[in-house]
PDB file of N, CA and C in Angstrom:
ATOM      1  N   PRO A   1     -40.521 158.325-118.622  1.00  0.00           N
ATOM      2  CA  PRO A   1     -39.092 158.114-118.875  1.00  0.00           C
ATOM      3  C   PRO A   1     -38.729 158.416-120.326  1.00  0.00           C
ATOM      4  N   ASP A   2     -37.477 158.740-120.538  1.00  0.00           N
ATOM      5  CA  ASP A   2     -36.978 158.989-121.890  1.00  0.00           C
ATOM      6  C   ASP A   2     -36.913 157.686-122.674  1.00  0.00           C
ATOM      7  N   LEU A   3     -37.018 157.791-123.995  1.00  0.00           N
ATOM      8  CA  LEU A   3     -36.889 156.638-124.883  1.00  0.00           C
ATOM      9  C   LEU A   3     -35.632 156.831-125.714  1.00  0.00           C
ATOM     10  N   THR A   4     -34.713 155.888-125.628  1.00  0.00           N
ATOM     11  CA  THR A   4     -33.469 155.951-126.368  1.00  0.00           C
ATOM     12  C   THR A   4     -33.258 154.610-127.040  1.00  0.00           C
ATOM     13  N   GLY A   5     -32.753 154.645-128.275  1.00  0.00           N
ATOM     14  CA  GLY A   5     -32.527 153.374-128.949  1.00  0.00           C
ATOM     15  C   GLY A   5     -31.770 153.536-130.245  1.00  0.00           C
ATOM     16  N   ARG A   6     -31.650 152.415-130.915  1.00  0.00           N
ATOM     17  CA  ARG A   6     -30.947 152.341-132.187  1.00  0.00           C
ATOM     18  C   ARG A   6     -31.704 151.355-133.074  1.00  0.00           C
ATOM     19  N   GLU A   7     -31.936 151.760-134.296  1.00  0.00           N
ATOM     20  CA  GLU A   7     -32.605 150.905-135.280  1.00  0.00           C
ATOM     21  C   GLU A   7     -31.733 150.823-136.518  1.00  0.00           C
ATOM     22  N   LYS A   8     -31.747 149.666-137.178  1.00  0.00           N
ATOM     23  CA  LYS A   8     -30.985 149.505-138.409  1.00  0.00           C
ATOM     24  C   LYS A   8     -31.903 149.725-139.602  1.00  0.00           C
ATOM     25  N   PHE A   9     -31.519 150.685-140.464  1.00  0.00           N
ATOM     26  CA  PHE A   9     -32.272 150.985-141.670  1.00  0.00           C
ATOM     27  C   PHE A   9     -31.312 151.016-142.846  1.00  0.00           C
ATOM     28  N   GLY A  10     -31.584 150.227-143.840  1.00  0.00           N
ATOM     29  CA  GLY A  10     -30.809 150.279-145.078  1.00  0.00           C
ATOM     30  C   GLY A  10     -29.309 150.226-144.886  1.00  0.00           C
ATOM     31  N   LEU A  11     -28.647 151.347-145.102  1.00  0.00           N
ATOM     32  CA  LEU A  11     -27.189 151.394-145.102  1.00  0.00           C
ATOM     33  C   LEU A  11     -26.559 151.651-143.737  1.00  0.00           C
ATOM     34  N   GLY A  12     -27.345 151.877-142.705  1.00  0.00           N
ATOM     35  CA  GLY A  12     -26.719 152.174-141.425  1.00  0.00           C
ATOM     36  C   GLY A  12     -27.695 152.190-140.275  1.00  0.00           C
ATOM     37  N   ASN A  13     -27.169 152.585-139.123  1.00  0.00           N
ATOM     38  CA  ASN A  13     -27.968 152.654-137.910  1.00  0.00           C
ATOM     39  C   ASN A  13     -28.518 154.058-137.713  1.00  0.00           C
ATOM     40  N   VAL A  14     -29.688 154.122-137.103  1.00  0.00           N
ATOM     41  CA  VAL A  14     -30.302 155.379-136.718  1.00  0.00           C
ATOM     42  C   VAL A  14     -30.393 155.373-135.195  1.00  0.00           C
ATOM     43  N   LYS A  15     -29.754 156.349-134.556  1.00  0.00           N
ATOM     44  CA  LYS A  15     -29.845 156.499-133.108  1.00  0.00           C
ATOM     45  C   LYS A  15     -30.885 157.571-132.815  1.00  0.00           C
ATOM     46  N   TYR A  16     -31.736 157.320-131.831  1.00  0.00           N
ATOM     47  CA  TYR A  16     -32.772 158.289-131.497  1.00  0.00           C
ATOM     48  C   TYR A  16     -32.889 158.455-129.991  1.00  0.00           C
ATOM     49  N   ASN A  17     -33.408 159.603-129.595  1.00  0.00           N
ATOM     50  CA  ASN A  17     -33.687 159.887-128.198  1.00  0.00           C
ATOM     51  C   ASN A  17     -34.943 160.747-128.144  1.00  0.00           C
ATOM     52  N   ILE A  18     -35.910 160.328-127.355  1.00  0.00           N
ATOM     53  CA  ILE A  18     -37.138 161.095-127.128  1.00  0.00           C
ATOM     54  C   ILE A  18     -37.163 161.409-125.634  1.00  0.00           C
ATOM     55  N   SER A  19     -37.199 162.704-125.307  1.00  0.00           N
ATOM     56  CA  SER A  19     -37.111 163.104-123.902  1.00  0.00           C
ATOM     57  C   SER A  19     -38.162 164.158-123.573  1.00  0.00           C
ATOM     58  N   SER A  20     -38.246 164.501-122.306  1.00  0.00           N
ATOM     59  CA  SER A  20     -39.202 165.509-121.810  1.00  0.00           C
ATOM     60  C   SER A  20     -40.614 165.203-122.302  1.00  0.00           C
ATOM     61  N   ILE A  21     -41.026 163.964-122.136  1.00  0.00           N
ATOM     62  CA  ILE A  21     -42.343 163.511-122.593  1.00  0.00           C
ATOM     63  C   ILE A  21     -43.397 163.974-121.580  1.00  0.00           C
ATOM     64  N   HIS A  22     -44.384 164.739-122.083  1.00  0.00           N
ATOM     65  CA  HIS A  22     -45.445 165.255-121.215  1.00  0.00           C
ATOM     66  C   HIS A  22     -46.801 165.041-121.878  1.00  0.00           C
ATOM     67  N   VAL A  23     -47.736 164.493-121.129  1.00  0.00           N
ATOM     68  CA  VAL A  23     -49.120 164.400-121.591  1.00  0.00           C
ATOM     69  C   VAL A  23     -49.738 165.770-121.364  1.00  0.00           C
ATOM     70  N   THR A  24     -50.179 166.409-122.443  1.00  0.00           N
ATOM     71  CA  THR A  24     -50.711 167.769-122.341  1.00  0.00           C
ATOM     72  C   THR A  24     -52.236 167.842-122.433  1.00  0.00           C
ATOM     73  N   ALA A  25     -52.866 166.770-122.912  1.00  0.00           N
ATOM     74  CA  ALA A  25     -54.329 166.770-122.993  1.00  0.00           C
ATOM     75  C   ALA A  25     -54.856 165.341-123.013  1.00  0.00           C
ATOM     76  N   VAL A  26     -55.942 165.120-122.305  1.00  0.00           N
ATOM     77  CA  VAL A  26     -56.653 163.844-122.310  1.00  0.00           C
ATOM     78  C   VAL A  26     -58.141 164.173-122.396  1.00  0.00           C
ATOM     79  N   GLU A  27     -58.824 163.558-123.341  1.00  0.00           N
ATOM     80  CA  GLU A  27     -60.273 163.751-123.471  1.00  0.00           C
ATOM     81  C   GLU A  27     -60.956 162.392-123.385  1.00  0.00           C
ATOM     82  N   LEU A  28     -61.948 162.301-122.502  1.00  0.00           N
ATOM     83  CA  LEU A  28     -62.736 161.080-122.317  1.00  0.00           C
ATOM     84  C   LEU A  28     -64.210 161.411-122.527  1.00  0.00           C
ATOM     85  N   PRO A  29     -64.627 161.601-123.784  1.00  0.00           N
ATOM     86  CA  PRO A  29     -66.009 162.030-124.031  1.00  0.00           C
ATOM     87  C   PRO A  29     -67.056 160.975-123.675  1.00  0.00           C
ATOM     88  N   SER A  30     -66.654 159.723-123.645  1.00  0.00           N
ATOM     89  CA  SER A  30     -67.606 158.665-123.337  1.00  0.00           C
ATOM     90  C   SER A  30     -66.926 157.649-122.428  1.00  0.00           C
ATOM     91  N   ALA A  31     -67.306 157.653-121.156  1.00  0.00           N
ATOM     92  CA  ALA A  31     -66.736 156.705-120.201  1.00  0.00           C
ATOM     93  C   ALA A  31     -67.841 156.209-119.281  1.00  0.00           C
ATOM     94  N   SER A  32     -67.790 154.919-118.969  1.00  0.00           N
ATOM     95  CA  SER A  32     -68.793 154.373-118.055  1.00  0.00           C
ATOM     96  C   SER A  32     -68.174 153.284-117.187  1.00  0.00           C
ATOM     97  N   ILE A  33     -68.704 153.161-115.994  1.00  0.00           N
ATOM     98  CA  ILE A  33     -68.297 152.111-115.062  1.00  0.00           C
ATOM     99  C   ILE A  33     -69.558 151.369-114.664  1.00  0.00           C
ATOM    100  N   SER A  34     -69.483 150.034-114.709  1.00  0.00           N
ATOM    101  CA  SER A  34     -70.632 149.232-114.290  1.00  0.00           C
ATOM    102  C   SER A  34     -70.164 148.091-113.407  1.00  0.00           C
ATOM    103  N   LEU A  35     -71.054 147.666-112.519  1.00  0.00           N
ATOM    104  CA  LEU A  35     -70.757 146.543-111.640  1.00  0.00           C
ATOM    105  C   LEU A  35     -71.099 145.237-112.335  1.00  0.00           C
ATOM    106  N   LEU A  36     -70.222 144.261-112.195  1.00  0.00           N
ATOM    107  CA  LEU A  36     -70.477 142.913-112.699  1.00  0.00           C
ATOM    108  C   LEU A  36     -70.807 142.054-111.485  1.00  0.00           C
ATOM    109  N   PRO A  37     -72.076 141.700-111.300  1.00  0.00           N
ATOM    110  CA  PRO A  37     -72.490 140.990-110.084  1.00  0.00           C
ATOM    111  C   PRO A  37     -71.621 139.757-109.816  1.00  0.00           C
ATOM    112  N   GLY A  38     -71.083 139.710-108.603  1.00  0.00           N
ATOM    113  CA  GLY A  38     -70.315 138.553-108.184  1.00  0.00           C
ATOM    114  C   GLY A  38     -68.885 138.504-108.694  1.00  0.00           C
ATOM    115  N   SER A  39     -68.474 139.478-109.528  1.00  0.00           N
ATOM    116  CA  SER A  39     -67.111 139.356-110.053  1.00  0.00           C
ATOM    117  C   SER A  39     -66.296 140.640-110.033  1.00  0.00           C
ATOM    118  N   GLY A  40     -66.892 141.796-110.242  1.00  0.00           N
ATOM    119  CA  GLY A  40     -66.061 142.981-110.233  1.00  0.00           C
ATOM    120  C   GLY A  40     -66.659 144.192-110.907  1.00  0.00           C
ATOM    121  N   ILE A  41     -65.800 144.916-111.617  1.00  0.00           N
ATOM    122  CA  ILE A  41     -66.154 146.195-112.213  1.00  0.00           C
ATOM    123  C   ILE A  41     -65.718 146.210-113.673  1.00  0.00           C
ATOM    124  N   LYS A  42     -66.556 146.782-114.538  1.00  0.00           N
ATOM    125  CA  LYS A  42     -66.223 146.930-115.953  1.00  0.00           C
ATOM    126  C   LYS A  42     -66.108 148.417-116.268  1.00  0.00           C
ATOM    127  N   LEU A  43     -64.977 148.802-116.865  1.00  0.00           N
ATOM    128  CA  LEU A  43     -64.736 150.175-117.282  1.00  0.00           C
ATOM    129  C   LEU A  43     -64.706 150.212-118.805  1.00  0.00           C
ATOM    130  N   VAL A  44     -65.493 151.097-119.403  1.00  0.00           N
ATOM    131  CA  VAL A  44     -65.521 151.245-120.852  1.00  0.00           C
ATOM    132  C   VAL A  44     -65.273 152.714-121.178  1.00  0.00           C
ATOM    133  N   ILE A  45     -64.257 152.965-122.003  1.00  0.00           N
ATOM    134  CA  ILE A  45     -63.938 154.317-122.461  1.00  0.00           C
ATOM    135  C   ILE A  45     -64.037 154.313-123.974  1.00  0.00           C
ATOM    136  N   GLY A  46     -64.802 155.249-124.525  1.00  0.00           N
ATOM    137  CA  GLY A  46     -64.997 155.291-125.967  1.00  0.00           C
ATOM    138  C   GLY A  46     -64.593 156.618-126.571  1.00  0.00           C
ATOM    139  N   ASN A  47     -63.978 156.557-127.726  1.00  0.00           N
ATOM    140  CA  ASN A  47     -63.618 157.731-128.517  1.00  0.00           C
ATOM    141  C   ASN A  47     -62.761 158.736-127.742  1.00  0.00           C
ATOM    142  N   ALA A  48     -61.817 158.229-126.970  1.00  0.00           N
ATOM    143  CA  ALA A  48     -60.931 159.090-126.193  1.00  0.00           C
ATOM    144  C   ALA A  48     -59.797 159.611-127.075  1.00  0.00           C
ATOM    145  N   SER A  49     -59.100 160.628-126.569  1.00  0.00           N
ATOM    146  CA  SER A  49     -57.926 161.135-127.283  1.00  0.00           C
ATOM    147  C   SER A  49     -56.870 161.564-126.275  1.00  0.00           C
ATOM    148  N   LEU A  50     -55.632 161.647-126.771  1.00  0.00           N
ATOM    149  CA  LEU A  50     -54.483 161.939-125.927  1.00  0.00           C
ATOM    150  C   LEU A  50     -53.485 162.741-126.748  1.00  0.00           C
ATOM    151  N   THR A  51     -52.920 163.793-126.164  1.00  0.00           N
ATOM    152  CA  THR A  51     -51.891 164.583-126.828  1.00  0.00           C
ATOM    153  C   THR A  51     -50.632 164.576-125.963  1.00  0.00           C
ATOM    154  N   ILE A  52     -49.492 164.332-126.615  1.00  0.00           N
ATOM    155  CA  ILE A  52     -48.204 164.240-125.927  1.00  0.00           C
ATOM    156  C   ILE A  52     -47.217 165.179-126.616  1.00  0.00           C
ATOM    157  N   ASP A  53     -46.505 165.993-125.823  1.00  0.00           N
ATOM    158  CA  ASP A  53     -45.422 166.835-126.334  1.00  0.00           C
ATOM    159  C   ASP A  53     -44.092 166.232-125.904  1.00  0.00           C
ATOM    160  N   MET A  54     -43.034 166.464-126.705  1.00  0.00           N
ATOM    161  CA  MET A  54     -41.738 165.868-126.399  1.00  0.00           C
ATOM    162  C   MET A  54     -40.618 166.582-127.126  1.00  0.00           C
ATOM    163  N   ASN A  55     -39.394 166.344-126.686  1.00  0.00           N
ATOM    164  CA  ASN A  55     -38.191 166.709-127.423  1.00  0.00           C
ATOM    165  C   ASN A  55     -37.703 165.453-128.125  1.00  0.00           C
ATOM    166  N   TRP A  56     -37.064 165.610-129.282  1.00  0.00           N
ATOM    167  CA  TRP A  56     -36.532 164.451-129.998  1.00  0.00           C
ATOM    168  C   TRP A  56     -35.204 164.822-130.648  1.00  0.00           C
ATOM    169  N   ASN A  57     -34.368 163.811-130.823  1.00  0.00           N
ATOM    170  CA  ASN A  57     -33.188 163.980-131.657  1.00  0.00           C
ATOM    171  C   ASN A  57     -32.860 162.653-132.318  1.00  0.00           C
ATOM    172  N   ILE A  58     -32.280 162.762-133.494  1.00  0.00           N
ATOM    173  CA  ILE A  58     -31.969 161.600-134.321  1.00  0.00           C
ATOM    174  C   ILE A  58     -30.575 161.815-134.925  1.00  0.00           C
ATOM    175  N   ARG A  59     -29.826 160.720-135.053  1.00  0.00           N
ATOM    176  CA  ARG A  59     -28.477 160.814-135.594  1.00  0.00           C
ATOM    177  C   ARG A  59     -28.211 159.576-136.459  1.00  0.00           C
ATOM    178  N   THR A  60     -27.706 159.815-137.656  1.00  0.00           N
ATOM    179  CA  THR A  60     -27.264 158.740-138.545  1.00  0.00           C
ATOM    180  C   THR A  60     -25.832 159.059-138.958  1.00  0.00           C
ATOM    181  N   TRP A  61     -25.249 158.208-139.755  1.00  0.00           N
ATOM    182  CA  TRP A  61     -23.887 158.457-140.233  1.00  0.00           C
ATOM    183  C   TRP A  61     -23.847 159.662-141.167  1.00  0.00           C
ATOM    184  N   MET A  62     -25.007 160.029-141.726  1.00  0.00           N
ATOM    185  CA  MET A  62     -25.056 161.089-142.722  1.00  0.00           C
ATOM    186  C   MET A  62     -25.548 162.433-142.174  1.00  0.00           C
ATOM    187  N   PHE A  63     -26.449 162.435-141.188  1.00  0.00           N
ATOM    188  CA  PHE A  63     -26.984 163.690-140.665  1.00  0.00           C
ATOM    189  C   PHE A  63     -27.469 163.510-139.233  1.00  0.00           C
ATOM    190  N   LYS A  64     -27.732 164.666-138.605  1.00  0.00           N
ATOM    191  CA  LYS A  64     -28.368 164.662-137.296  1.00  0.00           C
ATOM    192  C   LYS A  64     -29.354 165.809-137.253  1.00  0.00           C
ATOM    193  N   ASP A  65     -30.394 165.656-136.447  1.00  0.00           N
ATOM    194  CA  ASP A  65     -31.410 166.683-136.320  1.00  0.00           C
ATOM    195  C   ASP A  65     -32.062 166.531-134.952  1.00  0.00           C
ATOM    196  N   SER A  66     -32.698 167.607-134.492  1.00  0.00           N
ATOM    197  CA  SER A  66     -33.408 167.575-133.215  1.00  0.00           C
ATOM    198  C   SER A  66     -34.497 168.634-133.243  1.00  0.00           C
ATOM    199  N   GLY A  67     -35.414 168.543-132.288  1.00  0.00           N
ATOM    200  CA  GLY A  67     -36.484 169.523-132.220  1.00  0.00           C
ATOM    201  C   GLY A  67     -37.552 169.126-131.223  1.00  0.00           C
ATOM    202  N   ARG A  68     -38.728 169.697-131.406  1.00  0.00           N
ATOM    203  CA  ARG A  68     -39.895 169.400-130.576  1.00  0.00           C
ATOM    204  C   ARG A  68     -40.889 168.618-131.406  1.00  0.00           C
ATOM    205  N   GLY A  69     -41.709 167.838-130.735  1.00  0.00           N
ATOM    206  CA  GLY A  69     -42.717 167.061-131.443  1.00  0.00           C
ATOM    207  C   GLY A  69     -44.003 166.963-130.645  1.00  0.00           C
ATOM    208  N   THR A  70     -45.075 166.683-131.361  1.00  0.00           N
ATOM    209  CA  THR A  70     -46.387 166.464-130.757  1.00  0.00           C
ATOM    210  C   THR A  70     -46.982 165.208-131.360  1.00  0.00           C
ATOM    211  N   VAL A  71     -47.528 164.353-130.510  1.00  0.00           N
ATOM    212  CA  VAL A  71     -48.235 163.154-130.957  1.00  0.00           C
ATOM    213  C   VAL A  71     -49.667 163.276-130.472  1.00  0.00           C
ATOM    214  N   HIS A  72     -50.626 163.117-131.392  1.00  0.00           N
ATOM    215  CA  HIS A  72     -52.049 163.146-131.044  1.00  0.00           C
ATOM    216  C   HIS A  72     -52.645 161.791-131.424  1.00  0.00           C
ATOM    217  N   ILE A  73     -53.160 161.090-130.428  1.00  0.00           N
ATOM    218  CA  ILE A  73     -53.782 159.778-130.635  1.00  0.00           C
ATOM    219  C   ILE A  73     -55.272 159.948-130.407  1.00  0.00           C
ATOM    220  N   SER A  74     -56.079 159.539-131.389  1.00  0.00           N
ATOM    221  CA  SER A  74     -57.530 159.697-131.257  1.00  0.00           C
ATOM    222  C   SER A  74     -58.243 158.393-131.586  1.00  0.00           C
ATOM    223  N   LYS A  75     -59.544 158.414-131.346  1.00  0.00           N
ATOM    224  CA  LYS A  75     -60.396 157.241-131.542  1.00  0.00           C
ATOM    225  C   LYS A  75     -59.876 156.060-130.726  1.00  0.00           C
ATOM    226  N   VAL A  76     -59.569 156.338-129.446  1.00  0.00           N
ATOM    227  CA  VAL A  76     -59.073 155.313-128.531  1.00  0.00           C
ATOM    228  C   VAL A  76     -60.266 154.693-127.802  1.00  0.00           C
ATOM    229  N   PHE A  77     -60.305 153.365-127.794  1.00  0.00           N
ATOM    230  CA  PHE A  77     -61.360 152.620-127.114  1.00  0.00           C
ATOM    231  C   PHE A  77     -60.712 151.646-126.139  1.00  0.00           C
ATOM    232  N   VAL A  78     -61.199 151.643-124.895  1.00  0.00           N
ATOM    233  CA  VAL A  78     -60.641 150.778-123.850  1.00  0.00           C
ATOM    234  C   VAL A  78     -61.785 150.055-123.153  1.00  0.00           C
ATOM    235  N   THR A  79     -61.625 148.756-122.952  1.00  0.00           N
ATOM    236  CA  THR A  79     -62.528 147.981-122.112  1.00  0.00           C
ATOM    237  C   THR A  79     -61.669 147.228-121.106  1.00  0.00           C
ATOM    238  N   ALA A  80     -61.930 147.451-119.832  1.00  0.00           N
ATOM    239  CA  ALA A  80     -61.143 146.800-118.783  1.00  0.00           C
ATOM    240  C   ALA A  80     -62.085 146.175-117.757  1.00  0.00           C
ATOM    241  N   ILE A  81     -61.712 144.986-117.300  1.00  0.00           N
ATOM    242  CA  ILE A  81     -62.465 144.283-116.263  1.00  0.00           C
ATOM    243  C   ILE A  81     -61.556 144.174-115.034  1.00  0.00           C
ATOM    244  N   PHE A  82     -62.068 144.615-113.897  1.00  0.00           N
ATOM    245  CA  PHE A  82     -61.341 144.535-112.628  1.00  0.00           C
ATOM    246  C   PHE A  82     -62.079 143.575-111.713  1.00  0.00           C
ATOM    247  N   SER A  83     -61.344 142.700-111.038  1.00  0.00           N
ATOM    248  CA  SER A  83     -61.985 141.799-110.082  1.00  0.00           C
ATOM    249  C   SER A  83     -61.748 142.325-108.673  1.00  0.00           C
ATOM    250  N   THR A  84     -62.744 142.091-107.826  1.00  0.00           N
ATOM    251  CA  THR A  84     -62.671 142.503-106.430  1.00  0.00           C
ATOM    252  C   THR A  84     -63.020 141.309-105.553  1.00  0.00           C
ATOM    253  N   PRO A  85     -62.410 141.199-104.382  1.00  0.00           N
ATOM    254  CA  PRO A  85     -62.732 140.075-103.496  1.00  0.00           C
ATOM    255  C   PRO A  85     -64.156 140.202-102.966  1.00  0.00           C
ATOM    256  N   LEU A  86     -64.790 139.069-102.717  1.00  0.00           N
ATOM    257  CA  LEU A  86     -66.173 139.060-102.238  1.00  0.00           C
ATOM    258  C   LEU A  86     -66.266 139.012-100.720  1.00  0.00           C
ATOM    259  N   ASP A  87     -65.132 138.766-100.039  1.00  0.00           N
ATOM    260  CA  ASP A  87     -65.184 138.685 -98.576  1.00  0.00           C
ATOM    261  C   ASP A  87     -64.593 139.955 -97.959  1.00  0.00           C
ATOM    262  N   ASN A  88     -64.793 140.084 -96.670  1.00  0.00           N
ATOM    263  CA  ASN A  88     -64.264 141.234 -95.945  1.00  0.00           C
ATOM    264  C   ASN A  88     -63.092 140.807 -95.067  1.00  0.00           C
ATOM    265  N   ALA A  89     -62.320 139.810 -95.515  1.00  0.00           N
ATOM    266  CA  ALA A  89     -61.257 139.229 -94.702  1.00  0.00           C
ATOM    267  C   ALA A  89     -60.034 140.128 -94.577  1.00  0.00           C
ATOM    268  N   GLY A  90     -59.849 141.061 -95.443  1.00  0.00           N
ATOM    269  CA  GLY A  90     -58.652 141.895 -95.377  1.00  0.00           C
ATOM    270  C   GLY A  90     -58.879 143.213 -96.076  1.00  0.00           C
ATOM    271  N   PRO A  91     -57.779 143.907 -96.361  1.00  0.00           N
ATOM    272  CA  PRO A  91     -57.927 145.184 -97.063  1.00  0.00           C
ATOM    273  C   PRO A  91     -58.513 144.982 -98.458  1.00  0.00           C
ATOM    274  N   THR A  92     -59.247 145.970 -98.912  1.00  0.00           N
ATOM    275  CA  THR A  92     -59.853 145.894-100.237  1.00  0.00           C
ATOM    276  C   THR A  92     -58.753 145.906-101.296  1.00  0.00           C
ATOM    277  N   SER A  93     -58.885 145.028-102.259  1.00  0.00           N
ATOM    278  CA  SER A  93     -57.908 144.995-103.356  1.00  0.00           C
ATOM    279  C   SER A  93     -58.660 144.885-104.680  1.00  0.00           C
ATOM    280  N   ILE A  94     -58.035 145.392-105.713  1.00  0.00           N
ATOM    281  CA  ILE A  94     -58.594 145.336-107.065  1.00  0.00           C
ATOM    282  C   ILE A  94     -57.497 144.831-107.983  1.00  0.00           C
ATOM    283  N   SER A  95     -57.813 143.862-108.834  1.00  0.00           N
ATOM    284  CA  SER A  95     -56.831 143.412-109.832  1.00  0.00           C
ATOM    285  C   SER A  95     -57.436 143.460-111.223  1.00  0.00           C
ATOM    286  N   LEU A  96     -56.578 143.796-112.171  1.00  0.00           N
ATOM    287  CA  LEU A  96     -56.989 143.867-113.573  1.00  0.00           C
ATOM    288  C   LEU A  96     -57.083 142.451-114.114  1.00  0.00           C
ATOM    289  N   THR A  97     -58.284 142.060-114.562  1.00  0.00           N
ATOM    290  CA  THR A  97     -58.517 140.717-115.088  1.00  0.00           C
ATOM    291  C   THR A  97     -58.310 140.678-116.596  1.00  0.00           C
ATOM    292  N   SER A  98     -58.815 141.691-117.296  1.00  0.00           N
ATOM    293  CA  SER A  98     -58.627 141.760-118.750  1.00  0.00           C
ATOM    294  C   SER A  98     -58.674 143.212-119.194  1.00  0.00           C
ATOM    295  N   CYS A  99     -58.001 143.470-120.316  1.00  0.00           N
ATOM    296  CA  CYS A  99     -57.972 144.824-120.854  1.00  0.00           C
ATOM    297  C   CYS A  99     -57.802 144.743-122.371  1.00  0.00           C
ATOM    298  N   ARG A 100     -58.608 145.492-123.084  1.00  0.00           N
ATOM    299  CA  ARG A 100     -58.498 145.562-124.542  1.00  0.00           C
ATOM    300  C   ARG A 100     -58.514 147.029-124.944  1.00  0.00           C
ATOM    301  N   THR A 101     -57.530 147.414-125.758  1.00  0.00           N
ATOM    302  CA  THR A 101     -57.402 148.803-126.194  1.00  0.00           C
ATOM    303  C   THR A 101     -57.171 148.849-127.697  1.00  0.00           C
ATOM    304  N   THR A 102     -57.857 149.759-128.370  1.00  0.00           N
ATOM    305  CA  THR A 102     -57.605 149.996-129.793  1.00  0.00           C
ATOM    306  C   THR A 102     -57.508 151.504-130.006  1.00  0.00           C
ATOM    307  N   SER A 103     -56.729 151.892-131.007  1.00  0.00           N
ATOM    308  CA  SER A 103     -56.655 153.311-131.362  1.00  0.00           C
ATOM    309  C   SER A 103     -56.848 153.437-132.863  1.00  0.00           C
ATOM    310  N   GLY A 104     -57.493 154.520-133.262  1.00  0.00           N
ATOM    311  CA  GLY A 104     -57.822 154.697-134.670  1.00  0.00           C
ATOM    312  C   GLY A 104     -56.822 155.528-135.440  1.00  0.00           C
ATOM    313  N   ASP A 105     -56.504 156.712-134.949  1.00  0.00           N
ATOM    314  CA  ASP A 105     -55.644 157.633-135.688  1.00  0.00           C
ATOM    315  C   ASP A 105     -54.487 158.092-134.811  1.00  0.00           C
ATOM    316  N   ILE A 106     -53.310 158.194-135.422  1.00  0.00           N
ATOM    317  CA  ILE A 106     -52.141 158.750-134.753  1.00  0.00           C
ATOM    318  C   ILE A 106     -51.540 159.799-135.680  1.00  0.00           C
ATOM    319  N   GLU A 107     -51.438 161.023-135.175  1.00  0.00           N
ATOM    320  CA  GLU A 107     -50.858 162.124-135.948  1.00  0.00           C
ATOM    321  C   GLU A 107     -49.579 162.563-135.246  1.00  0.00           C
ATOM    322  N   ILE A 108     -48.464 162.586-135.973  1.00  0.00           N
ATOM    323  CA  ILE A 108     -47.166 162.956-135.425  1.00  0.00           C
ATOM    324  C   ILE A 108     -46.667 164.197-136.156  1.00  0.00           C
ATOM    325  N   LYS A 109     -46.329 165.241-135.391  1.00  0.00           N
ATOM    326  CA  LYS A 109     -45.751 166.460-135.962  1.00  0.00           C
ATOM    327  C   LYS A 109     -44.382 166.661-135.347  1.00  0.00           C
ATOM    328  N   LEU A 110     -43.359 166.740-136.191  1.00  0.00           N
ATOM    329  CA  LEU A 110     -41.997 166.962-135.739  1.00  0.00           C
ATOM    330  C   LEU A 110     -41.507 168.299-136.282  1.00  0.00           C
ATOM    331  N   ASN A 111     -41.020 169.149-135.411  1.00  0.00           N
ATOM    332  CA  ASN A 111     -40.428 170.419-135.804  1.00  0.00           C
ATOM    333  C   ASN A 111     -38.947 170.341-135.493  1.00  0.00           C
ATOM    334  N   GLY A 112     -38.109 170.515-136.512  1.00  0.00           N
ATOM    335  CA  GLY A 112     -36.675 170.419-136.320  1.00  0.00           C
ATOM    336  C   GLY A 112     -35.927 171.445-137.153  1.00  0.00           C
ATOM    337  N   LYS A 113     -34.638 171.315-137.116  1.00  0.00           N
ATOM    338  CA  LYS A 113     -33.802 172.257-137.846  1.00  0.00           C
ATOM    339  C   LYS A 113     -33.812 172.011-139.348  1.00  0.00           C
ATOM    340  N   SER A 114     -33.940 170.752-139.745  1.00  0.00           N
ATOM    341  CA  SER A 114     -33.924 170.431-141.187  1.00  0.00           C
ATOM    342  C   SER A 114     -35.269 170.660-141.781  1.00  0.00           C
TER     343      SER A 114
END
């Protein structure tokens, strides 16, 4: 979905819109899944990266600008625990019990008219 909002900075408001958001690359160089006896599944992703392309525009009382942008997030680490039922009483279900995510670097490139 598009991101639209308004933030107050110094002397006025800044209106922004980020649209046409597309994930263009995902790298998972280190990923593992292990069973947790009696409780579920553990997923560990290490040193992942993600690249997102988008359109952006910004407007203040003094100027406006728009263009294309790229966001590259790297050194992403995720640990997630999923629980599964132990009986065969119904359809199989999985629920997220815990999740921890950290990211190391975020690089933002904006190309605009100004």
